Amino acid sequence: MKAIVTGGTGFLGRAAVTELLKLGYEVTSYDNNFRGSSVLLPKDVRQIQGDIRDRTKLIKAASRSDLLVHLAFINGTRHFYEVPHLVTEVGITGIMNVHDAIVKNSISDFVLFSTSEVYQSPQIVPTPENVELKIPDILNPRYSYGGAKIASELVTTNLIAREVNTWKIVRPHNIYGPKMGLEHVIPELFLKVINPLNRVLTLQGDGKQTRSFCYVTDFMKAFSLIVNRGTKNEIYNIGVAEEVTIIDLAKTILKTVGRDMEIVFTPENRGETRRRCPDITKIMSLGFDAKTTLEHGIKKFYELEEFLLK
């Protein structure tokens, strides 16, 4: 069996590639390395450097594939605000090109990586997969990412579904681990804490916002279960059912580093989600059981992340 992973050199892409290799697939990574690193991929992965917006190159790269896993997107909250046009273009053009690659190559199976951002501020927490998806403010550039992901889900369930034998959608919730990039809350907090010039630790908002943090090795187990055992034409949250406030996350990082800093608060970005935690009943029914506690995961991140050692 052969698989192609778009966005394969990114943080989650590399994790997905690794698990597909374990499942016995011959894997091709297709990525322009905008945020990823090709040197971090396993050596037995075929690599094609290409942009998801390049329809012709993607179709050629996906030839003879049985499975297409689509992750190529521009993530990172800073990008949502600074280059929303690029986030939207990559998201919308990308999923349509993926559709065409599936049609032209008669690919039988498809997995779309969506995001917890599609829920925005859900009425139900922990949040099951069947709640409404929302774009609260079409004028807020933050929703360029979540909106393009919603569009990708629509293309999957209404267009790609007509062309494949099976499709699955996964919605990761704050996956973290070494070499994840700097545009995420955990590495951003670590960079503030380890900087000896910082006397106070600044947090956006009041620090009472909640998230659910899943260590990358647990994510990899969940992804493998979805590919291997997941029900076809189904949507799965990936994460852990532990709701953590940002201020408690900050205190865990301070304890891990061994610093005592005053925490101060700044205005939060417009459109910030107050609570986010997944209902993981579906993935647990496949046998998923997260093994890494937040405290242990933060400790491993600190020990393994190279930029913290410089």
C-alpha atoms as a PDB file:
ATOM      1  CA  MET A   1       0.000   0.000   0.000  1.00  0.00           C
ATOM      2  CA  LYS A   2       1.208   3.490  -0.870  1.00  0.00           C
ATOM      3  CA  ALA A   3       0.357   6.742   0.880  1.00  0.00           C
ATOM      4  CA  ILE A   4       1.075  10.381   0.140  1.00  0.00           C
ATOM      5  CA  VAL A   5       1.059  12.938   2.955  1.00  0.00           C
ATOM      6  CA  THR A   6       0.702  16.608   2.052  1.00  0.00           C
ATOM      7  CA  GLY A   7       2.418  18.800   4.613  1.00  0.00           C
ATOM      8  CA  GLY A   8       4.528  15.787   5.490  1.00  0.00           C
ATOM      9  CA  THR A   9       7.521  17.715   6.815  1.00  0.00           C
ATOM     10  CA  GLY A  10       5.511  19.685   9.382  1.00  0.00           C
ATOM     11  CA  PHE A  11       5.160  18.741  13.025  1.00  0.00           C
ATOM     12  CA  LEU A  12       1.991  16.653  12.709  1.00  0.00           C
ATOM     13  CA  GLY A  13       2.919  15.608   9.186  1.00  0.00           C
ATOM     14  CA  ARG A  14       6.115  13.958  10.387  1.00  0.00           C
ATOM     15  CA  ALA A  15       4.183  12.169  13.118  1.00  0.00           C
ATOM     16  CA  ALA A  16       1.623  10.907  10.595  1.00  0.00           C
ATOM     17  CA  VAL A  17       4.356   9.776   8.198  1.00  0.00           C
ATOM     18  CA  THR A  18       6.082   7.853  10.970  1.00  0.00           C
ATOM     19  CA  GLU A  19       2.884   6.023  11.941  1.00  0.00           C
ATOM     20  CA  LEU A  20       2.045   5.165   8.329  1.00  0.00           C
ATOM     21  CA  LEU A  21       5.476   3.599   7.947  1.00  0.00           C
ATOM     22  CA  LYS A  22       4.803   1.484  11.033  1.00  0.00           C
ATOM     23  CA  LEU A  23       1.516   0.364   9.479  1.00  0.00           C
ATOM     24  CA  GLY A  24       3.418  -0.894   6.425  1.00  0.00           C
ATOM     25  CA  TYR A  25       2.778   1.886   3.913  1.00  0.00           C
ATOM     26  CA  GLU A  26       5.283   3.152   1.385  1.00  0.00           C
ATOM     27  CA  VAL A  27       5.100   6.871   2.105  1.00  0.00           C
ATOM     28  CA  THR A  28       5.647   9.979   0.005  1.00  0.00           C
ATOM     29  CA  SER A  29       5.874  13.387   1.660  1.00  0.00           C
ATOM     30  CA  TYR A  30       4.722  16.370  -0.401  1.00  0.00           C
ATOM     31  CA  ASP A  31       5.616  19.732   1.162  1.00  0.00           C
ATOM     32  CA  ASN A  32       7.151  23.091   0.268  1.00  0.00           C
ATOM     33  CA  ASN A  33       8.796  23.231   3.743  1.00  0.00           C
ATOM     34  CA  PHE A  34       7.213  26.602   4.568  1.00  0.00           C
ATOM     35  CA  ARG A  35       7.184  25.635   8.245  1.00  0.00           C
ATOM     36  CA  GLY A  36       8.510  22.074   8.174  1.00  0.00           C
ATOM     37  CA  SER A  37      11.932  20.481   7.911  1.00  0.00           C
ATOM     38  CA  SER A  38      12.661  17.676   5.472  1.00  0.00           C
ATOM     39  CA  VAL A  39      15.772  16.582   7.381  1.00  0.00           C
ATOM     40  CA  LEU A  40      13.597  15.416  10.279  1.00  0.00           C
ATOM     41  CA  LEU A  41      11.726  12.825   8.224  1.00  0.00           C
ATOM     42  CA  PRO A  42      12.638   9.127   8.388  1.00  0.00           C
ATOM     43  CA  LYS A  43      15.177   8.231   5.702  1.00  0.00           C
ATOM     44  CA  ASP A  44      12.945   5.695   3.955  1.00  0.00           C
ATOM     45  CA  VAL A  45      10.332   8.327   3.052  1.00  0.00           C
ATOM     46  CA  ARG A  46      10.155   9.521  -0.548  1.00  0.00           C
ATOM     47  CA  GLN A  47      10.235  13.310  -0.515  1.00  0.00           C
ATOM     48  CA  ILE A  48       8.821  15.681  -3.114  1.00  0.00           C
ATOM     49  CA  GLN A  49       9.210  19.398  -2.539  1.00  0.00           C
ATOM     50  CA  GLY A  50       6.140  21.106  -3.898  1.00  0.00           C
ATOM     51  CA  ASP A  51       3.449  23.657  -3.110  1.00  0.00           C
ATOM     52  CA  ILE A  52      -0.083  22.427  -2.402  1.00  0.00           C
ATOM     53  CA  ARG A  53      -1.290  25.162  -4.760  1.00  0.00           C
ATOM     54  CA  ASP A  54       0.587  23.531  -7.662  1.00  0.00           C
ATOM     55  CA  ARG A  55      -2.172  21.309  -9.051  1.00  0.00           C
ATOM     56  CA  THR A  56      -0.120  19.656 -11.781  1.00  0.00           C
ATOM     57  CA  LYS A  57       2.790  18.750  -9.521  1.00  0.00           C
ATOM     58  CA  LEU A  58       0.504  17.413  -6.788  1.00  0.00           C
ATOM     59  CA  ILE A  59      -1.405  15.201  -9.231  1.00  0.00           C
ATOM     60  CA  LYS A  60       1.864  13.748 -10.501  1.00  0.00           C
ATOM     61  CA  ALA A  61       3.238  13.243  -6.983  1.00  0.00           C
ATOM     62  CA  ALA A  62       0.106  11.365  -5.914  1.00  0.00           C
ATOM     63  CA  SER A  63       0.184   8.856  -8.778  1.00  0.00           C
ATOM     64  CA  ARG A  64      -0.206   5.208  -7.746  1.00  0.00           C
ATOM     65  CA  SER A  65      -1.192   6.206  -4.185  1.00  0.00           C
ATOM     66  CA  ASP A  66      -3.848   4.238  -2.311  1.00  0.00           C
ATOM     67  CA  LEU A  67      -4.194   6.716   0.571  1.00  0.00           C
ATOM     68  CA  LEU A  68      -3.907  10.508   0.641  1.00  0.00           C
ATOM     69  CA  VAL A  69      -3.499  12.254   3.986  1.00  0.00           C
ATOM     70  CA  HIS A  70      -3.939  16.029   3.733  1.00  0.00           C
ATOM     71  CA  LEU A  71      -2.225  18.288   6.278  1.00  0.00           C
ATOM     72  CA  ALA A  72      -0.800  21.070   4.094  1.00  0.00           C
ATOM     73  CA  PHE A  73      -2.064  24.291   5.681  1.00  0.00           C
ATOM     74  CA  ILE A  74      -0.540  27.406   7.248  1.00  0.00           C
ATOM     75  CA  ASN A  75      -0.909  27.106  11.012  1.00  0.00           C
ATOM     76  CA  GLY A  76       0.207  29.415  13.816  1.00  0.00           C
ATOM     77  CA  THR A  77      -2.000  32.109  15.354  1.00  0.00           C
ATOM     78  CA  ARG A  78       0.366  34.895  14.277  1.00  0.00           C
ATOM     79  CA  HIS A  79      -0.110  33.883  10.643  1.00  0.00           C
ATOM     80  CA  PHE A  80      -3.910  33.993  10.967  1.00  0.00           C
ATOM     81  CA  TYR A  81      -3.693  37.695  11.812  1.00  0.00           C
ATOM     82  CA  GLU A  82      -0.716  38.705   9.665  1.00  0.00           C
ATOM     83  CA  VAL A  83      -1.264  36.786   6.386  1.00  0.00           C
ATOM     84  CA  PRO A  84      -4.927  35.691   6.362  1.00  0.00           C
ATOM     85  CA  HIS A  85      -4.991  35.939   2.564  1.00  0.00           C
ATOM     86  CA  LEU A  86      -2.230  33.336   2.330  1.00  0.00           C
ATOM     87  CA  VAL A  87      -3.849  31.102   4.957  1.00  0.00           C
ATOM     88  CA  THR A  88      -7.112  31.203   2.994  1.00  0.00           C
ATOM     89  CA  GLU A  89      -5.475  30.660  -0.403  1.00  0.00           C
ATOM     90  CA  VAL A  90      -3.471  27.663   0.737  1.00  0.00           C
ATOM     91  CA  GLY A  91      -6.504  26.190   2.488  1.00  0.00           C
ATOM     92  CA  ILE A  92      -9.082  26.595  -0.273  1.00  0.00           C
ATOM     93  CA  THR A  93      -6.852  26.031  -3.307  1.00  0.00           C
ATOM     94  CA  GLY A  94      -5.160  23.167  -1.511  1.00  0.00           C
ATOM     95  CA  ILE A  95      -8.285  21.120  -0.806  1.00  0.00           C
ATOM     96  CA  MET A  96      -9.549  21.576  -4.362  1.00  0.00           C
ATOM     97  CA  ASN A  97      -6.210  20.402  -5.743  1.00  0.00           C
ATOM     98  CA  VAL A  98      -6.341  17.432  -3.374  1.00  0.00           C
ATOM     99  CA  HIS A  99      -9.778  16.627  -4.771  1.00  0.00           C
ATOM    100  CA  ASP A 100      -8.388  16.711  -8.305  1.00  0.00           C
ATOM    101  CA  ALA A 101      -5.398  14.547  -7.357  1.00  0.00           C
ATOM    102  CA  ILE A 102      -7.767  11.960  -5.900  1.00  0.00           C
ATOM    103  CA  VAL A 103      -9.929  11.951  -9.040  1.00  0.00           C
ATOM    104  CA  LYS A 104      -7.046  11.847 -11.517  1.00  0.00           C
ATOM    105  CA  ASN A 105      -5.270   9.033  -9.666  1.00  0.00           C
ATOM    106  CA  SER A 106      -8.338   7.054  -8.532  1.00  0.00           C
ATOM    107  CA  ILE A 107      -7.145   7.182  -4.909  1.00  0.00           C
ATOM    108  CA  SER A 108      -9.385   5.008  -2.755  1.00  0.00           C
ATOM    109  CA  ASP A 109      -8.854   6.367   0.774  1.00  0.00           C
ATOM    110  CA  PHE A 110      -8.589   9.877   2.189  1.00  0.00           C
ATOM    111  CA  VAL A 111      -7.828  11.386   5.610  1.00  0.00           C
ATOM    112  CA  LEU A 112      -8.309  15.110   6.175  1.00  0.00           C
ATOM    113  CA  PHE A 113      -6.598  16.858   9.062  1.00  0.00           C
ATOM    114  CA  SER A 114      -9.010  19.512  10.253  1.00  0.00           C
ATOM    115  CA  THR A 115      -8.667  21.393  13.569  1.00  0.00           C
ATOM    116  CA  SER A 116     -10.324  22.170  16.879  1.00  0.00           C
ATOM    117  CA  GLU A 117     -10.574  25.750  15.565  1.00  0.00           C
ATOM    118  CA  VAL A 118     -13.698  24.741  13.634  1.00  0.00           C
ATOM    119  CA  TYR A 119     -15.581  24.703  16.960  1.00  0.00           C
ATOM    120  CA  GLN A 120     -14.544  28.254  17.949  1.00  0.00           C
ATOM    121  CA  SER A 121     -16.514  28.842  21.201  1.00  0.00           C
ATOM    122  CA  PRO A 122     -18.634  25.702  21.498  1.00  0.00           C
ATOM    123  CA  GLN A 123     -21.726  25.547  23.690  1.00  0.00           C
ATOM    124  CA  ILE A 124     -20.785  22.049  24.876  1.00  0.00           C
ATOM    125  CA  VAL A 125     -17.479  21.340  26.656  1.00  0.00           C
ATOM    126  CA  PRO A 126     -16.062  18.681  26.409  1.00  0.00           C
ATOM    127  CA  THR A 127     -17.058  19.071  22.763  1.00  0.00           C
ATOM    128  CA  PRO A 128     -18.299  16.125  20.662  1.00  0.00           C
ATOM    129  CA  GLU A 129     -17.733  15.948  16.924  1.00  0.00           C
ATOM    130  CA  ASN A 130     -21.379  16.596  15.988  1.00  0.00           C
ATOM    131  CA  VAL A 131     -21.744  20.169  17.306  1.00  0.00           C
ATOM    132  CA  GLU A 132     -22.138  23.062  14.892  1.00  0.00           C
ATOM    133  CA  LEU A 133     -19.049  24.524  13.234  1.00  0.00           C
ATOM    134  CA  LYS A 134     -18.809  28.306  13.261  1.00  0.00           C
ATOM    135  CA  ILE A 135     -17.231  31.433  11.819  1.00  0.00           C
ATOM    136  CA  PRO A 136     -18.332  34.028  14.410  1.00  0.00           C
ATOM    137  CA  ASP A 137     -17.041  37.098  12.585  1.00  0.00           C
ATOM    138  CA  ILE A 138     -16.305  36.996   8.866  1.00  0.00           C
ATOM    139  CA  LEU A 139     -14.302  40.249   9.194  1.00  0.00           C
ATOM    140  CA  ASN A 140     -11.902  38.858  11.815  1.00  0.00           C
ATOM    141  CA  PRO A 141      -8.749  37.562  10.072  1.00  0.00           C
ATOM    142  CA  ARG A 142      -8.286  34.980  12.838  1.00  0.00           C
ATOM    143  CA  TYR A 143     -10.995  32.874  11.233  1.00  0.00           C
ATOM    144  CA  SER A 144      -9.091  32.542   7.958  1.00  0.00           C
ATOM    145  CA  TYR A 145      -7.721  29.277   9.323  1.00  0.00           C
ATOM    146  CA  GLY A 146     -10.839  27.836  10.946  1.00  0.00           C
ATOM    147  CA  GLY A 147     -12.979  28.963   8.015  1.00  0.00           C
ATOM    148  CA  ALA A 148     -10.710  27.319   5.445  1.00  0.00           C
ATOM    149  CA  LYS A 149     -10.737  24.142   7.521  1.00  0.00           C
ATOM    150  CA  ILE A 150     -14.549  24.158   7.576  1.00  0.00           C
ATOM    151  CA  ALA A 151     -14.487  24.563   3.794  1.00  0.00           C
ATOM    152  CA  SER A 152     -12.088  21.611   3.570  1.00  0.00           C
ATOM    153  CA  GLU A 153     -14.489  19.479   5.588  1.00  0.00           C
ATOM    154  CA  LEU A 154     -17.336  20.472   3.257  1.00  0.00           C
ATOM    155  CA  VAL A 155     -15.284  19.508   0.204  1.00  0.00           C
ATOM    156  CA  THR A 156     -14.417  16.209   1.872  1.00  0.00           C
ATOM    157  CA  THR A 157     -17.977  15.251   2.808  1.00  0.00           C
ATOM    158  CA  ASN A 158     -19.656  16.485  -0.383  1.00  0.00           C
ATOM    159  CA  LEU A 159     -17.126  16.160  -3.213  1.00  0.00           C
ATOM    160  CA  ILE A 160     -14.291  13.852  -2.223  1.00  0.00           C
ATOM    161  CA  ALA A 161     -16.804  11.476  -0.619  1.00  0.00           C
ATOM    162  CA  ARG A 162     -18.156  10.773  -4.110  1.00  0.00           C
ATOM    163  CA  GLU A 163     -14.726   9.695  -5.368  1.00  0.00           C
ATOM    164  CA  VAL A 164     -13.232   7.509  -2.621  1.00  0.00           C
ATOM    165  CA  ASN A 165     -14.095   4.278  -0.853  1.00  0.00           C
ATOM    166  CA  THR A 166     -13.431   5.772   2.577  1.00  0.00           C
ATOM    167  CA  TRP A 167     -12.854   9.209   4.053  1.00  0.00           C
ATOM    168  CA  LYS A 168     -12.040  10.203   7.612  1.00  0.00           C
ATOM    169  CA  ILE A 169     -11.664  13.611   9.245  1.00  0.00           C
ATOM    170  CA  VAL A 170      -9.505  14.165  12.324  1.00  0.00           C
ATOM    171  CA  ARG A 171      -9.649  17.255  14.530  1.00  0.00           C
ATOM    172  CA  PRO A 172      -6.481  17.536  16.660  1.00  0.00           C
ATOM    173  CA  HIS A 173      -6.604  19.536  19.888  1.00  0.00           C
ATOM    174  CA  ASN A 174      -3.360  21.316  20.859  1.00  0.00           C
ATOM    175  CA  ILE A 175      -0.841  18.612  20.060  1.00  0.00           C
ATOM    176  CA  TYR A 176       2.622  19.478  21.384  1.00  0.00           C
ATOM    177  CA  GLY A 177       6.111  18.036  21.431  1.00  0.00           C
ATOM    178  CA  PRO A 178       9.725  18.677  20.395  1.00  0.00           C
ATOM    179  CA  LYS A 179      10.357  20.466  17.093  1.00  0.00           C
ATOM    180  CA  MET A 180       6.768  21.661  16.808  1.00  0.00           C
ATOM    181  CA  GLY A 181       7.739  25.188  15.772  1.00  0.00           C
ATOM    182  CA  LEU A 182       7.585  28.373  17.782  1.00  0.00           C
ATOM    183  CA  GLU A 183       4.136  29.702  16.811  1.00  0.00           C
ATOM    184  CA  HIS A 184       2.247  27.886  19.569  1.00  0.00           C
ATOM    185  CA  VAL A 185       1.437  28.593  23.198  1.00  0.00           C
ATOM    186  CA  ILE A 186       3.795  26.079  24.852  1.00  0.00           C
ATOM    187  CA  PRO A 187       7.023  27.048  23.025  1.00  0.00           C
ATOM    188  CA  GLU A 188       6.047  30.717  23.263  1.00  0.00           C
ATOM    189  CA  LEU A 189       5.721  30.435  27.058  1.00  0.00           C
ATOM    190  CA  PHE A 190       8.985  28.516  27.334  1.00  0.00           C
ATOM    191  CA  LEU A 191      10.820  31.196  25.369  1.00  0.00           C
ATOM    192  CA  LYS A 192       9.526  33.847  27.762  1.00  0.00           C
ATOM    193  CA  VAL A 193      10.389  31.822  30.859  1.00  0.00           C
ATOM    194  CA  ILE A 194      13.939  30.852  29.878  1.00  0.00           C
ATOM    195  CA  ASN A 195      14.869  34.411  28.866  1.00  0.00           C
ATOM    196  CA  PRO A 196      16.867  35.749  31.843  1.00  0.00           C
ATOM    197  CA  LEU A 197      15.983  39.327  30.870  1.00  0.00           C
ATOM    198  CA  ASN A 198      12.292  38.687  31.526  1.00  0.00           C
ATOM    199  CA  ARG A 199      11.331  39.496  35.121  1.00  0.00           C
ATOM    200  CA  VAL A 200       7.607  38.964  34.615  1.00  0.00           C
ATOM    201  CA  LEU A 201       5.653  36.443  32.528  1.00  0.00           C
ATOM    202  CA  THR A 202       2.972  38.034  30.334  1.00  0.00           C
ATOM    203  CA  LEU A 203      -0.192  36.154  29.391  1.00  0.00           C
ATOM    204  CA  GLN A 204      -2.902  37.301  27.003  1.00  0.00           C
ATOM    205  CA  GLY A 205      -6.283  37.808  28.643  1.00  0.00           C
ATOM    206  CA  ASP A 206      -6.925  36.773  32.234  1.00  0.00           C
ATOM    207  CA  GLY A 207      -5.221  33.379  32.024  1.00  0.00           C
ATOM    208  CA  LYS A 208      -8.479  31.557  32.697  1.00  0.00           C
ATOM    209  CA  GLN A 209      -8.892  30.415  29.100  1.00  0.00           C
ATOM    210  CA  THR A 210      -8.776  26.627  28.916  1.00  0.00           C
ATOM    211  CA  ARG A 211      -7.268  24.208  26.447  1.00  0.00           C
ATOM    212  CA  SER A 212      -6.577  20.480  26.280  1.00  0.00           C
ATOM    213  CA  PHE A 213      -2.957  19.543  25.587  1.00  0.00           C
ATOM    214  CA  CYS A 214      -2.011  16.206  24.000  1.00  0.00           C
ATOM    215  CA  TYR A 215       1.596  15.019  23.785  1.00  0.00           C
ATOM    216  CA  VAL A 216       2.707  14.000  20.304  1.00  0.00           C
ATOM    217  CA  THR A 217       3.306  10.318  21.089  1.00  0.00           C
ATOM    218  CA  ASP A 218      -0.301   9.995  22.262  1.00  0.00           C
ATOM    219  CA  PHE A 219      -1.443  11.775  19.103  1.00  0.00           C
ATOM    220  CA  MET A 220       0.504   9.266  17.011  1.00  0.00           C
ATOM    221  CA  LYS A 221      -1.252   6.348  18.720  1.00  0.00           C
ATOM    222  CA  ALA A 222      -4.629   7.967  18.072  1.00  0.00           C
ATOM    223  CA  PHE A 223      -3.860   8.618  14.399  1.00  0.00           C
ATOM    224  CA  SER A 224      -2.699   5.034  13.903  1.00  0.00           C
ATOM    225  CA  LEU A 225      -5.921   3.739  15.452  1.00  0.00           C
ATOM    226  CA  ILE A 226      -8.030   5.921  13.163  1.00  0.00           C
ATOM    227  CA  VAL A 227      -6.224   4.745  10.030  1.00  0.00           C
ATOM    228  CA  ASN A 228      -6.181   1.094  11.081  1.00  0.00           C
ATOM    229  CA  ARG A 229      -9.479   0.671  12.958  1.00  0.00           C
ATOM    230  CA  GLY A 230     -11.530   3.819  12.435  1.00  0.00           C
ATOM    231  CA  THR A 231     -15.020   3.658  10.994  1.00  0.00           C
ATOM    232  CA  LYS A 232     -15.123   4.849   7.402  1.00  0.00           C
ATOM    233  CA  ASN A 233     -16.768   8.189   6.651  1.00  0.00           C
ATOM    234  CA  GLU A 234     -16.390   9.354  10.244  1.00  0.00           C
ATOM    235  CA  ILE A 235     -15.016  12.344  12.160  1.00  0.00           C
ATOM    236  CA  TYR A 236     -12.704  11.975  15.168  1.00  0.00           C
ATOM    237  CA  ASN A 237     -11.415  14.369  17.779  1.00  0.00           C
ATOM    238  CA  ILE A 238      -7.827  13.695  18.838  1.00  0.00           C
ATOM    239  CA  GLY A 239      -6.752  14.989  22.214  1.00  0.00           C
ATOM    240  CA  VAL A 240      -7.137  14.365  25.918  1.00  0.00           C
ATOM    241  CA  ALA A 241     -10.165  15.077  28.076  1.00  0.00           C
ATOM    242  CA  GLU A 242      -8.345  17.321  30.550  1.00  0.00           C
ATOM    243  CA  GLU A 243      -9.239  21.013  30.572  1.00  0.00           C
ATOM    244  CA  VAL A 244      -6.275  23.144  31.643  1.00  0.00           C
ATOM    245  CA  THR A 245      -6.229  26.902  32.222  1.00  0.00           C
ATOM    246  CA  ILE A 246      -3.455  28.872  30.541  1.00  0.00           C
ATOM    247  CA  ILE A 247      -2.349  30.202  33.926  1.00  0.00           C
ATOM    248  CA  ASP A 248      -1.969  26.618  35.229  1.00  0.00           C
ATOM    249  CA  LEU A 249      -0.025  25.729  32.072  1.00  0.00           C
ATOM    250  CA  ALA A 250       2.259  28.711  32.746  1.00  0.00           C
ATOM    251  CA  LYS A 251       2.786  27.614  36.349  1.00  0.00           C
ATOM    252  CA  THR A 252       3.679  24.088  35.172  1.00  0.00           C
ATOM    253  CA  ILE A 253       6.290  25.518  32.796  1.00  0.00           C
ATOM    254  CA  LEU A 254       7.702  27.777  35.514  1.00  0.00           C
ATOM    255  CA  LYS A 255       7.997  24.792  37.855  1.00  0.00           C
ATOM    256  CA  THR A 256       9.657  22.701  35.141  1.00  0.00           C
ATOM    257  CA  VAL A 257      12.256  25.380  34.393  1.00  0.00           C
ATOM    258  CA  GLY A 258      12.705  26.223  38.063  1.00  0.00           C
ATOM    259  CA  ARG A 259      11.808  29.910  37.899  1.00  0.00           C
ATOM    260  CA  ASP A 260       9.547  32.051  40.042  1.00  0.00           C
ATOM    261  CA  MET A 261       8.113  34.916  37.983  1.00  0.00           C
ATOM    262  CA  GLU A 262       5.255  37.294  38.530  1.00  0.00           C
ATOM    263  CA  ILE A 263       2.466  36.675  36.013  1.00  0.00           C
ATOM    264  CA  VAL A 264       0.914  39.755  34.414  1.00  0.00           C
ATOM    265  CA  PHE A 265      -1.885  39.995  31.884  1.00  0.00           C
ATOM    266  CA  THR A 266      -2.308  41.825  28.578  1.00  0.00           C
ATOM    267  CA  PRO A 267      -5.415  42.270  26.398  1.00  0.00           C
ATOM    268  CA  GLU A 268      -6.360  39.122  24.524  1.00  0.00           C
ATOM    269  CA  ASN A 269      -6.711  38.926  20.744  1.00  0.00           C
ATOM    270  CA  ARG A 270     -10.135  39.614  19.297  1.00  0.00           C
ATOM    271  CA  GLY A 271     -11.958  36.323  18.764  1.00  0.00           C
ATOM    272  CA  GLU A 272     -10.107  34.361  21.449  1.00  0.00           C
ATOM    273  CA  THR A 273     -11.859  31.135  22.464  1.00  0.00           C
ATOM    274  CA  ARG A 274     -12.497  30.885  26.205  1.00  0.00           C
ATOM    275  CA  ARG A 275     -12.839  27.115  26.590  1.00  0.00           C
ATOM    276  CA  ARG A 276     -11.731  24.206  24.458  1.00  0.00           C
ATOM    277  CA  CYS A 277     -11.630  20.539  25.393  1.00  0.00           C
ATOM    278  CA  PRO A 278     -12.620  17.567  23.223  1.00  0.00           C
ATOM    279  CA  ASP A 279     -15.050  14.779  23.908  1.00  0.00           C
ATOM    280  CA  ILE A 280     -12.869  11.779  22.998  1.00  0.00           C
ATOM    281  CA  THR A 281     -15.494   9.041  23.362  1.00  0.00           C
ATOM    282  CA  LYS A 282     -15.113   8.028  19.702  1.00  0.00           C
ATOM    283  CA  ILE A 283     -11.350   7.648  19.738  1.00  0.00           C
ATOM    284  CA  MET A 284     -11.468   5.838  23.077  1.00  0.00           C
ATOM    285  CA  SER A 285     -13.871   3.323  21.520  1.00  0.00           C
ATOM    286  CA  LEU A 286     -11.009   2.389  19.163  1.00  0.00           C
ATOM    287  CA  GLY A 287      -8.746   1.653  22.137  1.00  0.00           C
ATOM    288  CA  PHE A 288      -7.114   5.043  22.655  1.00  0.00           C
ATOM    289  CA  ASP A 289      -5.716   5.754  26.113  1.00  0.00           C
ATOM    290  CA  ALA A 290      -3.479   8.795  26.576  1.00  0.00           C
ATOM    291  CA  LYS A 291      -0.389   7.897  28.601  1.00  0.00           C
ATOM    292  CA  THR A 292       1.336  11.262  29.030  1.00  0.00           C
ATOM    293  CA  THR A 293       0.220  13.645  31.746  1.00  0.00           C
ATOM    294  CA  LEU A 294       0.663  17.357  31.131  1.00  0.00           C
ATOM    295  CA  GLU A 295       3.375  17.650  33.782  1.00  0.00           C
ATOM    296  CA  HIS A 296       5.317  14.722  32.312  1.00  0.00           C
ATOM    297  CA  GLY A 297       4.809  15.949  28.732  1.00  0.00           C
ATOM    298  CA  ILE A 298       6.038  19.447  29.587  1.00  0.00           C
ATOM    299  CA  LYS A 299       9.082  17.911  31.276  1.00  0.00           C
ATOM    300  CA  LYS A 300       9.856  15.807  28.189  1.00  0.00           C
ATOM    301  CA  PHE A 301       9.375  18.823  25.939  1.00  0.00           C
ATOM    302  CA  TYR A 302      11.844  20.802  28.048  1.00  0.00           C
ATOM    303  CA  GLU A 303      14.405  17.989  28.006  1.00  0.00           C
ATOM    304  CA  LEU A 304      14.170  17.300  24.272  1.00  0.00           C
ATOM    305  CA  GLU A 305      13.511  20.649  22.603  1.00  0.00           C
ATOM    306  CA  GLU A 306      16.836  21.811  21.197  1.00  0.00           C
ATOM    307  CA  PHE A 307      16.084  25.543  21.008  1.00  0.00           C
ATOM    308  CA  LEU A 308      15.743  25.590  24.808  1.00  0.00           C
ATOM    309  CA  LEU A 309      19.325  24.376  25.188  1.00  0.00           C
ATOM    310  CA  LYS A 310      20.956  27.173  23.185  1.00  0.00           C
END
